Amino acid sequence: VYLTREDIQDMGGKPHLFPQAGVVTAADRSAIQVDNGPWLNAEDIKL
C-alpha cells in the first residue's frame, strides 16, 4: 500500500489520505513500477 503527494488532500483544514495498493513488478535506481501501471519515483513516494 503506497501513498504519494497526490494521495494526500486537504479537505477543510484536515488532511485526508487516499492510499493505493498493488504488487511491485519492477524497480530501478530511482523508481518502482506497480502492477496497476505507474512508475513511481522514490522522491514522490511518502510511505
All heavy atoms as atom14 arrays in JSON, in Angstrom:
{
  "sequence": "VYLTREDIQDMGGKPHLFPQAGVVTAADRSAIQVDNGPWLNAEDIKL",
  "atom14_mask": [
    [1, 1, 1, 1, 1, 1, 1, 0, 0, 0, 0, 0, 0, 0],
    [1, 1, 1, 1, 1, 1, 1, 1, 1, 1, 1, 1, 0, 0],
    [1, 1, 1, 1, 1, 1, 1, 1, 0, 0, 0, 0, 0, 0],
    [1, 1, 1, 1, 1, 1, 1, 0, 0, 0, 0, 0, 0, 0],
    [1, 1, 1, 1, 1, 1, 1, 1, 1, 1, 1, 0, 0, 0],
    [1, 1, 1, 1, 1, 1, 1, 1, 1, 0, 0, 0, 0, 0],
    [1, 1, 1, 1, 1, 1, 1, 1, 0, 0, 0, 0, 0, 0],
    [1, 1, 1, 1, 1, 1, 1, 1, 0, 0, 0, 0, 0, 0],
    [1, 1, 1, 1, 1, 1, 1, 1, 1, 0, 0, 0, 0, 0],
    [1, 1, 1, 1, 1, 1, 1, 1, 0, 0, 0, 0, 0, 0],
    [1, 1, 1, 1, 1, 1, 1, 1, 0, 0, 0, 0, 0, 0],
    [1, 1, 1, 1, 0, 0, 0, 0, 0, 0, 0, 0, 0, 0],
    [1, 1, 1, 1, 0, 0, 0, 0, 0, 0, 0, 0, 0, 0],
    [1, 1, 1, 1, 1, 1, 1, 1, 1, 0, 0, 0, 0, 0],
    [1, 1, 1, 1, 1, 1, 1, 0, 0, 0, 0, 0, 0, 0],
    [1, 1, 1, 1, 1, 1, 1, 1, 1, 1, 0, 0, 0, 0],
    [1, 1, 1, 1, 1, 1, 1, 1, 0, 0, 0, 0, 0, 0],
    [1, 1, 1, 1, 1, 1, 1, 1, 1, 1, 1, 0, 0, 0],
    [1, 1, 1, 1, 1, 1, 1, 0, 0, 0, 0, 0, 0, 0],
    [1, 1, 1, 1, 1, 1, 1, 1, 1, 0, 0, 0, 0, 0],
    [1, 1, 1, 1, 1, 0, 0, 0, 0, 0, 0, 0, 0, 0],
    [1, 1, 1, 1, 0, 0, 0, 0, 0, 0, 0, 0, 0, 0],
    [1, 1, 1, 1, 1, 1, 1, 0, 0, 0, 0, 0, 0, 0],
    [1, 1, 1, 1, 1, 1, 1, 0, 0, 0, 0, 0, 0, 0],
    [1, 1, 1, 1, 1, 1, 1, 0, 0, 0, 0, 0, 0, 0],
    [1, 1, 1, 1, 1, 0, 0, 0, 0, 0, 0, 0, 0, 0],
    [1, 1, 1, 1, 1, 0, 0, 0, 0, 0, 0, 0, 0, 0],
    [1, 1, 1, 1, 1, 1, 1, 1, 0, 0, 0, 0, 0, 0],
    [1, 1, 1, 1, 1, 1, 1, 1, 1, 1, 1, 0, 0, 0],
    [1, 1, 1, 1, 1, 1, 0, 0, 0, 0, 0, 0, 0, 0],
    [1, 1, 1, 1, 1, 0, 0, 0, 0, 0, 0, 0, 0, 0],
    [1, 1, 1, 1, 1, 1, 1, 1, 0, 0, 0, 0, 0, 0],
    [1, 1, 1, 1, 1, 1, 1, 1, 1, 0, 0, 0, 0, 0],
    [1, 1, 1, 1, 1, 1, 1, 0, 0, 0, 0, 0, 0, 0],
    [1, 1, 1, 1, 1, 1, 1, 1, 0, 0, 0, 0, 0, 0],
    [1, 1, 1, 1, 1, 1, 1, 1, 0, 0, 0, 0, 0, 0],
    [1, 1, 1, 1, 0, 0, 0, 0, 0, 0, 0, 0, 0, 0],
    [1, 1, 1, 1, 1, 1, 1, 0, 0, 0, 0, 0, 0, 0],
    [1, 1, 1, 1, 1, 1, 1, 1, 1, 1, 1, 1, 1, 1],
    [1, 1, 1, 1, 1, 1, 1, 1, 0, 0, 0, 0, 0, 0],
    [1, 1, 1, 1, 1, 1, 1, 1, 0, 0, 0, 0, 0, 0],
    [1, 1, 1, 1, 1, 0, 0, 0, 0, 0, 0, 0, 0, 0],
    [1, 1, 1, 1, 1, 1, 1, 1, 1, 0, 0, 0, 0, 0],
    [1, 1, 1, 1, 1, 1, 1, 1, 0, 0, 0, 0, 0, 0],
    [1, 1, 1, 1, 1, 1, 1, 1, 0, 0, 0, 0, 0, 0],
    [1, 1, 1, 1, 1, 1, 1, 1, 1, 0, 0, 0, 0, 0],
    [1, 1, 1, 1, 1, 1, 1, 1, 0, 0, 0, 0, 0, 0]
  ],
  "atom14_positions": [
    [[0.89, -1.16, 0.0], [0.0, 0.0, 0.0], [0.93, 1.2, 0.0], [1.88, 1.26, 0.78], [-0.9, 0.01, 1.25], [-1.76, 1.26, 1.28], [-1.77, -1.24, 1.28], [0.0, 0.0, 0.0], [0.0, 0.0, 0.0], [0.0, 0.0, 0.0], [0.0, 0.0, 0.0], [0.0, 0.0, 0.0], [0.0, 0.0, 0.0], [0.0, 0.0, 0.0]],
    [[0.68, 2.15, -0.91], [1.58, 3.29, -1.0], [0.8, 4.59, -1.02], [-0.37, 4.64, -1.34], [2.49, 3.17, -2.23], [1.77, 3.12, -3.55], [1.54, 4.28, -4.28], [1.33, 1.91, -4.08], [0.88, 4.24, -5.5], [0.68, 1.85, -5.29], [0.46, 3.02, -6.0], [-0.19, 2.98, -7.2], [0.0, 0.0, 0.0], [0.0, 0.0, 0.0]],
    [[1.52, 5.64, -0.65], [0.94, 6.97, -0.56], [1.89, 7.95, -1.23], [3.09, 7.96, -0.93], [0.77, 7.33, 0.92], [-0.07, 8.51, 1.32], [-1.52, 8.3, 0.89], [-0.01, 8.7, 2.81], [0.0, 0.0, 0.0], [0.0, 0.0, 0.0], [0.0, 0.0, 0.0], [0.0, 0.0, 0.0], [0.0, 0.0, 0.0], [0.0, 0.0, 0.0]],
    [[1.38, 8.74, -2.18], [2.17, 9.77, -2.83], [1.58, 11.14, -2.48], [0.53, 11.23, -1.84], [2.17, 9.61, -4.37], [0.84, 9.8, -4.84], [2.69, 8.24, -4.78], [0.0, 0.0, 0.0], [0.0, 0.0, 0.0], [0.0, 0.0, 0.0], [0.0, 0.0, 0.0], [0.0, 0.0, 0.0], [0.0, 0.0, 0.0], [0.0, 0.0, 0.0]],
    [[2.25, 12.19, -2.9], [1.74, 13.55, -2.65], [0.32, 13.73, -3.15], [-0.5, 14.38, -2.51], [2.63, 14.58, -3.34], [3.85, 14.92, -2.57], [4.65, 15.97, -3.32], [6.02, 15.5, -3.23], [6.92, 15.64, -4.14], [6.66, 16.26, -5.25], [8.12, 15.16, -3.96], [0.0, 0.0, 0.0], [0.0, 0.0, 0.0], [0.0, 0.0, 0.0]],
    [[0.04, 13.17, -4.31], [-1.28, 13.32, -4.91], [-2.37, 12.6, -4.12], [-3.55, 12.88, -4.28], [-1.28, 12.81, -6.35], [-0.46, 13.65, -7.3], [1.03, 13.37, -7.19], [1.42, 12.25, -6.83], [1.81, 14.3, -7.44], [0.0, 0.0, 0.0], [0.0, 0.0, 0.0], [0.0, 0.0, 0.0], [0.0, 0.0, 0.0], [0.0, 0.0, 0.0]],
    [[-1.98, 11.65, -3.27], [-2.94, 10.88, -2.48], [-3.28, 11.55, -1.14], [-4.04, 11.0, -0.36], [-2.38, 9.48, -2.19], [-2.07, 8.71, -3.47], [-2.8, 8.92, -4.46], [-1.11, 7.94, -3.47], [0.0, 0.0, 0.0], [0.0, 0.0, 0.0], [0.0, 0.0, 0.0], [0.0, 0.0, 0.0], [0.0, 0.0, 0.0], [0.0, 0.0, 0.0]],
    [[-2.7, 12.73, -0.88], [-2.98, 13.47, 0.35], [-3.71, 14.74, -0.06], [-3.18, 15.55, -0.81], [-1.68, 13.82, 1.09], [-0.88, 12.56, 1.39], [-1.99, 14.61, 2.36], [0.52, 12.81, 1.92], [0.0, 0.0, 0.0], [0.0, 0.0, 0.0], [0.0, 0.0, 0.0], [0.0, 0.0, 0.0], [0.0, 0.0, 0.0], [0.0, 0.0, 0.0]],
    [[-4.94, 14.89, 0.42], [-5.73, 16.07, 0.05], [-6.21, 16.79, 1.3], [-6.59, 16.16, 2.29], [-6.92, 15.65, -0.8], [-6.48, 15.04, -2.12], [-7.65, 14.67, -3.0], [-8.79, 15.02, -2.74], [-7.36, 13.96, -4.07], [0.0, 0.0, 0.0], [0.0, 0.0, 0.0], [0.0, 0.0, 0.0], [0.0, 0.0, 0.0], [0.0, 0.0, 0.0]],
    [[-6.16, 18.11, 1.22], [-6.62, 18.95, 2.33], [-8.11, 19.21, 2.13], [-8.53, 19.8, 1.14], [-5.85, 20.27, 2.33], [-6.24, 21.16, 3.5], [-7.0, 20.72, 4.38], [-5.77, 22.31, 3.53], [0.0, 0.0, 0.0], [0.0, 0.0, 0.0], [0.0, 0.0, 0.0], [0.0, 0.0, 0.0], [0.0, 0.0, 0.0], [0.0, 0.0, 0.0]],
    [[-8.91, 18.75, 3.07], [-10.35, 18.94, 2.99], [-10.81, 19.66, 4.25], [-10.98, 19.05, 5.3], [-11.07, 17.6, 2.83], [-10.73, 16.88, 1.57], [-11.63, 15.35, 1.44], [-11.4, 14.96, -0.26], [0.0, 0.0, 0.0], [0.0, 0.0, 0.0], [0.0, 0.0, 0.0], [0.0, 0.0, 0.0], [0.0, 0.0, 0.0], [0.0, 0.0, 0.0]],
    [[-10.96, 20.95, 4.12], [-11.41, 21.74, 5.27], [-10.39, 21.82, 6.38], [-10.74, 21.85, 7.55], [0.0, 0.0, 0.0], [0.0, 0.0, 0.0], [0.0, 0.0, 0.0], [0.0, 0.0, 0.0], [0.0, 0.0, 0.0], [0.0, 0.0, 0.0], [0.0, 0.0, 0.0], [0.0, 0.0, 0.0], [0.0, 0.0, 0.0], [0.0, 0.0, 0.0]],
    [[-9.11, 21.87, 6.03], [-8.07, 22.0, 7.02], [-7.59, 20.69, 7.61], [-6.66, 20.66, 8.4], [0.0, 0.0, 0.0], [0.0, 0.0, 0.0], [0.0, 0.0, 0.0], [0.0, 0.0, 0.0], [0.0, 0.0, 0.0], [0.0, 0.0, 0.0], [0.0, 0.0, 0.0], [0.0, 0.0, 0.0], [0.0, 0.0, 0.0], [0.0, 0.0, 0.0]],
    [[-8.22, 19.59, 7.25], [-7.82, 18.28, 7.77], [-7.33, 17.43, 6.6], [-8.05, 17.26, 5.62], [-9.01, 17.6, 8.44], [-8.69, 16.26, 9.03], [-9.89, 15.66, 9.71], [-9.53, 14.28, 10.24], [-10.7, 13.58, 10.77], [0.0, 0.0, 0.0], [0.0, 0.0, 0.0], [0.0, 0.0, 0.0], [0.0, 0.0, 0.0], [0.0, 0.0, 0.0]],
    [[-6.12, 16.87, 6.71], [-5.64, 16.05, 5.59], [-6.38, 14.71, 5.51], [-6.65, 14.08, 6.53], [-4.16, 15.83, 5.92], [-4.06, 16.02, 7.39], [-5.14, 16.98, 7.77], [0.0, 0.0, 0.0], [0.0, 0.0, 0.0], [0.0, 0.0, 0.0], [0.0, 0.0, 0.0], [0.0, 0.0, 0.0], [0.0, 0.0, 0.0], [0.0, 0.0, 0.0]],
    [[-6.74, 14.33, 4.31], [-7.37, 13.04, 4.05], [-6.4, 12.22, 3.2], [-5.85, 12.72, 2.23], [-8.7, 13.22, 3.32], [-9.8, 13.69, 4.2], [-9.83, 14.94, 4.75], [-10.9, 13.05, 4.63], [-10.92, 15.07, 5.48], [-11.59, 13.93, 5.43], [0.0, 0.0, 0.0], [0.0, 0.0, 0.0], [0.0, 0.0, 0.0], [0.0, 0.0, 0.0]],
    [[-6.23, 10.95, 3.56], [-5.32, 10.06, 2.86], [-6.11, 9.12, 1.96], [-7.09, 8.54, 2.38], [-4.5, 9.24, 3.86], [-3.75, 10.03, 4.93], [-3.04, 9.08, 5.88], [-2.78, 11.01, 4.31], [0.0, 0.0, 0.0], [0.0, 0.0, 0.0], [0.0, 0.0, 0.0], [0.0, 0.0, 0.0], [0.0, 0.0, 0.0], [0.0, 0.0, 0.0]],
    [[-5.66, 9.01, 0.72], [-6.29, 8.13, -0.26], [-5.22, 7.19, -0.82], [-4.76, 7.35, -1.95], [-6.93, 8.96, -1.39], [-8.0, 9.89, -0.9], [-7.7, 11.19, -0.56], [-9.3, 9.44, -0.76], [-8.7, 12.05, -0.1], [-10.3, 10.29, -0.31], [-9.99, 11.6, 0.03], [0.0, 0.0, 0.0], [0.0, 0.0, 0.0], [0.0, 0.0, 0.0]],
    [[-4.8, 6.18, -0.01], [-3.72, 5.29, -0.44], [-4.14, 4.39, -1.6], [-5.32, 4.18, -1.84], [-3.43, 4.46, 0.81], [-4.72, 4.48, 1.57], [-5.35, 5.81, 1.29], [0.0, 0.0, 0.0], [0.0, 0.0, 0.0], [0.0, 0.0, 0.0], [0.0, 0.0, 0.0], [0.0, 0.0, 0.0], [0.0, 0.0, 0.0], [0.0, 0.0, 0.0]],
    [[-3.13, 3.89, -2.3], [-3.34, 2.96, -3.4], [-2.6, 1.67, -3.08], [-1.68, 1.67, -2.27], [-2.81, 3.57, -4.69], [-3.52, 4.87, -5.05], [-3.02, 5.44, -6.35], [-3.09, 4.77, -7.37], [-2.49, 6.64, -6.31], [0.0, 0.0, 0.0], [0.0, 0.0, 0.0], [0.0, 0.0, 0.0], [0.0, 0.0, 0.0], [0.0, 0.0, 0.0]],
    [[-3.0, 0.59, -3.7], [-2.36, -0.7, -3.44], [-2.01, -1.39, -4.75], [-2.62, -1.13, -5.78], [-3.3, -1.59, -2.62], [0.0, 0.0, 0.0], [0.0, 0.0, 0.0], [0.0, 0.0, 0.0], [0.0, 0.0, 0.0], [0.0, 0.0, 0.0], [0.0, 0.0, 0.0], [0.0, 0.0, 0.0], [0.0, 0.0, 0.0], [0.0, 0.0, 0.0]],
    [[-1.02, -2.26, -4.68], [-0.63, -3.03, -5.84], [0.58, -3.88, -5.53], [1.14, -3.81, -4.45], [0.0, 0.0, 0.0], [0.0, 0.0, 0.0], [0.0, 0.0, 0.0], [0.0, 0.0, 0.0], [0.0, 0.0, 0.0], [0.0, 0.0, 0.0], [0.0, 0.0, 0.0], [0.0, 0.0, 0.0], [0.0, 0.0, 0.0], [0.0, 0.0, 0.0]],
    [[0.98, -4.67, -6.52], [2.17, -5.5, -6.4], [3.3, -4.82, -7.15], [3.12, -4.39, -8.3], [1.92, -6.91, -6.98], [3.19, -7.74, -6.96], [0.81, -7.6, -6.21], [0.0, 0.0, 0.0], [0.0, 0.0, 0.0], [0.0, 0.0, 0.0], [0.0, 0.0, 0.0], [0.0, 0.0, 0.0], [0.0, 0.0, 0.0], [0.0, 0.0, 0.0]],
    [[4.46, -4.69, -6.52], [5.61, -4.09, -7.17], [6.14, -5.08, -8.2], [6.46, -6.22, -7.88], [6.71, -3.73, -6.14], [7.93, -3.15, -6.84], [6.17, -2.75, -5.1], [0.0, 0.0, 0.0], [0.0, 0.0, 0.0], [0.0, 0.0, 0.0], [0.0, 0.0, 0.0], [0.0, 0.0, 0.0], [0.0, 0.0, 0.0], [0.0, 0.0, 0.0]],
    [[6.17, -4.65, -9.46], [6.58, -5.55, -10.54], [8.0, -5.3, -11.03], [8.59, -6.17, -11.66], [5.62, -5.43, -11.74], [5.58, -4.07, -12.17], [4.22, -5.9, -11.36], [0.0, 0.0, 0.0], [0.0, 0.0, 0.0], [0.0, 0.0, 0.0], [0.0, 0.0, 0.0], [0.0, 0.0, 0.0], [0.0, 0.0, 0.0], [0.0, 0.0, 0.0]],
    [[8.54, -4.11, -10.76], [9.9, -3.8, -11.21], [10.45, -2.66, -10.37], [9.7, -1.89, -9.77], [9.9, -3.4, -12.69], [0.0, 0.0, 0.0], [0.0, 0.0, 0.0], [0.0, 0.0, 0.0], [0.0, 0.0, 0.0], [0.0, 0.0, 0.0], [0.0, 0.0, 0.0], [0.0, 0.0, 0.0], [0.0, 0.0, 0.0], [0.0, 0.0, 0.0]],
    [[11.77, -2.57, -10.34], [12.44, -1.49, -9.63], [13.71, -1.13, -10.38], [14.32, -1.99, -11.02], [12.76, -1.9, -8.2], [0.0, 0.0, 0.0], [0.0, 0.0, 0.0], [0.0, 0.0, 0.0], [0.0, 0.0, 0.0], [0.0, 0.0, 0.0], [0.0, 0.0, 0.0], [0.0, 0.0, 0.0], [0.0, 0.0, 0.0], [0.0, 0.0, 0.0]],
    [[14.09, 0.13, -10.32], [15.37, 0.54, -10.88], [16.04, 1.51, -9.92], [15.65, 1.61, -8.76], [15.22, 1.1, -12.3], [14.49, 2.43, -12.36], [14.26, 3.05, -11.31], [14.16, 2.86, -13.48], [0.0, 0.0, 0.0], [0.0, 0.0, 0.0], [0.0, 0.0, 0.0], [0.0, 0.0, 0.0], [0.0, 0.0, 0.0], [0.0, 0.0, 0.0]],
    [[17.02, 2.25, -10.4], [17.8, 3.08, -9.48], [17.05, 4.26, -8.9], [17.48, 4.84, -7.92], [19.09, 3.54, -10.14], [18.9, 4.28, -11.42], [20.23, 4.5, -12.12], [20.0, 4.81, -13.51], [19.87, 6.04, -13.97], [19.98, 7.05, -13.17], [19.61, 6.23, -15.24], [0.0, 0.0, 0.0], [0.0, 0.0, 0.0], [0.0, 0.0, 0.0]],
    [[15.89, 4.61, -9.47], [15.18, 5.78, -8.94], [13.68, 5.61, -8.79], [13.01, 6.53, -8.35], [15.44, 6.99, -9.84], [14.92, 6.76, -11.14], [0.0, 0.0, 0.0], [0.0, 0.0, 0.0], [0.0, 0.0, 0.0], [0.0, 0.0, 0.0], [0.0, 0.0, 0.0], [0.0, 0.0, 0.0], [0.0, 0.0, 0.0], [0.0, 0.0, 0.0]],
    [[13.13, 4.43, -9.15], [11.68, 4.28, -9.14], [11.27, 2.82, -8.98], [12.1, 1.92, -9.07], [11.1, 4.82, -10.45], [0.0, 0.0, 0.0], [0.0, 0.0, 0.0], [0.0, 0.0, 0.0], [0.0, 0.0, 0.0], [0.0, 0.0, 0.0], [0.0, 0.0, 0.0], [0.0, 0.0, 0.0], [0.0, 0.0, 0.0], [0.0, 0.0, 0.0]],
    [[9.95, 2.64, -8.71], [9.36, 1.3, -8.72], [8.17, 1.32, -9.66], [7.57, 2.37, -9.9], [8.92, 0.84, -7.31], [7.85, 1.76, -6.74], [10.09, 0.7, -6.37], [7.19, 1.25, -5.46], [0.0, 0.0, 0.0], [0.0, 0.0, 0.0], [0.0, 0.0, 0.0], [0.0, 0.0, 0.0], [0.0, 0.0, 0.0], [0.0, 0.0, 0.0]],
    [[7.83, 0.15, -10.2], [6.62, 0.04, -11.01], [5.64, -0.85, -10.27], [6.01, -1.88, -9.72], [6.9, -0.56, -12.38], [5.65, -0.58, -13.25], [5.9, -1.1, -14.63], [6.78, -1.93, -14.85], [5.13, -0.63, -15.6], [0.0, 0.0, 0.0], [0.0, 0.0, 0.0], [0.0, 0.0, 0.0], [0.0, 0.0, 0.0], [0.0, 0.0, 0.0]],
    [[4.38, -0.41, -10.26], [3.33, -1.16, -9.58], [2.43, -1.77, -10.65], [2.26, -1.21, -11.74], [2.53, -0.22, -8.66], [1.49, -0.98, -7.88], [3.47, 0.49, -7.7], [0.0, 0.0, 0.0], [0.0, 0.0, 0.0], [0.0, 0.0, 0.0], [0.0, 0.0, 0.0], [0.0, 0.0, 0.0], [0.0, 0.0, 0.0], [0.0, 0.0, 0.0]],
    [[1.85, -2.95, -10.35], [1.07, -3.68, -11.36], [-0.15, -2.92, -11.88], [-0.67, -3.25, -12.92], [0.65, -5.05, -10.84], [-0.31, -5.0, -9.67], [-0.49, -3.92, -9.07], [-0.87, -6.05, -9.34], [0.0, 0.0, 0.0], [0.0, 0.0, 0.0], [0.0, 0.0, 0.0], [0.0, 0.0, 0.0], [0.0, 0.0, 0.0], [0.0, 0.0, 0.0]],
    [[-0.6, -1.88, -11.17], [-1.72, -1.11, -11.68], [-1.24, -0.02, -12.63], [-2.0, 0.85, -13.01], [-2.58, -0.53, -10.55], [-1.8, 0.34, -9.6], [-0.63, 0.6, -9.79], [-2.47, 0.8, -8.56], [0.0, 0.0, 0.0], [0.0, 0.0, 0.0], [0.0, 0.0, 0.0], [0.0, 0.0, 0.0], [0.0, 0.0, 0.0], [0.0, 0.0, 0.0]],
    [[0.05, -0.09, -13.05], [0.5, 0.74, -14.15], [1.62, 1.73, -13.92], [2.56, 1.76, -14.7], [0.0, 0.0, 0.0], [0.0, 0.0, 0.0], [0.0, 0.0, 0.0], [0.0, 0.0, 0.0], [0.0, 0.0, 0.0], [0.0, 0.0, 0.0], [0.0, 0.0, 0.0], [0.0, 0.0, 0.0], [0.0, 0.0, 0.0], [0.0, 0.0, 0.0]],
    [[1.56, 2.57, -12.9], [2.5, 3.68, -12.89], [3.9, 3.32, -12.43], [4.1, 2.4, -11.63], [1.87, 4.64, -11.89], [1.15, 3.77, -10.93], [0.62, 2.64, -11.78], [0.0, 0.0, 0.0], [0.0, 0.0, 0.0], [0.0, 0.0, 0.0], [0.0, 0.0, 0.0], [0.0, 0.0, 0.0], [0.0, 0.0, 0.0], [0.0, 0.0, 0.0]],
    [[4.88, 4.05, -12.97], [6.22, 4.07, -12.4], [6.2, 5.19, -11.37], [5.77, 6.3, -11.67], [7.26, 4.37, -13.47], [7.71, 3.17, -14.22], [7.2, 2.7, -15.39], [8.76, 2.28, -13.85], [7.86, 1.56, -15.78], [8.84, 1.29, -14.85], [9.64, 2.22, -12.77], [9.76, 0.24, -14.8], [10.57, 1.18, -12.74], [10.62, 0.21, -13.74]],
    [[6.63, 4.91, -10.17], [6.64, 5.89, -9.09], [8.07, 6.24, -8.73], [8.83, 5.37, -8.3], [5.92, 5.33, -7.86], [4.49, 4.87, -8.05], [4.02, 4.11, -6.82], [3.59, 6.06, -8.32], [0.0, 0.0, 0.0], [0.0, 0.0, 0.0], [0.0, 0.0, 0.0], [0.0, 0.0, 0.0], [0.0, 0.0, 0.0], [0.0, 0.0, 0.0]],
    [[8.44, 7.51, -8.91], [9.76, 7.95, -8.48], [9.84, 7.9, -6.96], [8.89, 8.28, -6.27], [10.03, 9.37, -8.95], [10.3, 9.43, -10.44], [10.9, 8.53, -11.01], [9.82, 10.48, -11.08], [0.0, 0.0, 0.0], [0.0, 0.0, 0.0], [0.0, 0.0, 0.0], [0.0, 0.0, 0.0], [0.0, 0.0, 0.0], [0.0, 0.0, 0.0]],
    [[10.98, 7.43, -6.44], [11.14, 7.31, -5.0], [10.92, 8.64, -4.3], [10.35, 8.7, -3.21], [12.53, 6.76, -4.68], [0.0, 0.0, 0.0], [0.0, 0.0, 0.0], [0.0, 0.0, 0.0], [0.0, 0.0, 0.0], [0.0, 0.0, 0.0], [0.0, 0.0, 0.0], [0.0, 0.0, 0.0], [0.0, 0.0, 0.0], [0.0, 0.0, 0.0]],
    [[11.3, 9.75, -4.93], [11.14, 11.06, -4.3], [9.68, 11.49, -4.19], [9.35, 12.34, -3.37], [11.95, 12.12, -5.04], [11.5, 12.31, -6.48], [12.44, 13.15, -7.28], [13.66, 13.13, -7.01], [11.95, 13.84, -8.21], [0.0, 0.0, 0.0], [0.0, 0.0, 0.0], [0.0, 0.0, 0.0], [0.0, 0.0, 0.0], [0.0, 0.0, 0.0]],
    [[8.79, 10.87, -4.98], [7.36, 11.2, -4.92], [6.59, 10.36, -3.92], [5.46, 10.68, -3.56], [6.71, 11.02, -6.3], [7.26, 12.0, -7.32], [7.74, 13.07, -6.92], [7.21, 11.68, -8.52], [0.0, 0.0, 0.0], [0.0, 0.0, 0.0], [0.0, 0.0, 0.0], [0.0, 0.0, 0.0], [0.0, 0.0, 0.0], [0.0, 0.0, 0.0]],
    [[7.2, 9.25, -3.46], [6.52, 8.35, -2.52], [6.7, 8.88, -1.11], [7.8, 9.21, -0.68], [7.1, 6.93, -2.64], [6.94, 6.39, -4.05], [6.43, 6.01, -1.62], [7.71, 5.11, -4.3], [0.0, 0.0, 0.0], [0.0, 0.0, 0.0], [0.0, 0.0, 0.0], [0.0, 0.0, 0.0], [0.0, 0.0, 0.0], [0.0, 0.0, 0.0]],
    [[5.6, 8.96, -0.39], [5.64, 9.4, 1.0], [5.72, 8.24, 1.97], [6.32, 8.35, 3.03], [4.41, 10.25, 1.33], [4.32, 11.53, 0.56], [5.5, 12.39, 0.89], [5.44, 13.71, 0.17], [6.68, 14.47, 0.34], [0.0, 0.0, 0.0], [0.0, 0.0, 0.0], [0.0, 0.0, 0.0], [0.0, 0.0, 0.0], [0.0, 0.0, 0.0]],
    [[5.1, 7.1, 1.61], [5.01, 5.98, 2.54], [4.69, 4.71, 1.76], [3.9, 4.74, 0.83], [3.87, 6.24, 3.54], [3.55, 5.2, 4.58], [4.66, 5.13, 5.62], [2.24, 5.53, 5.27], [0.0, 0.0, 0.0], [0.0, 0.0, 0.0], [0.0, 0.0, 0.0], [0.0, 0.0, 0.0], [0.0, 0.0, 0.0], [0.0, 0.0, 0.0]]
  ]
}
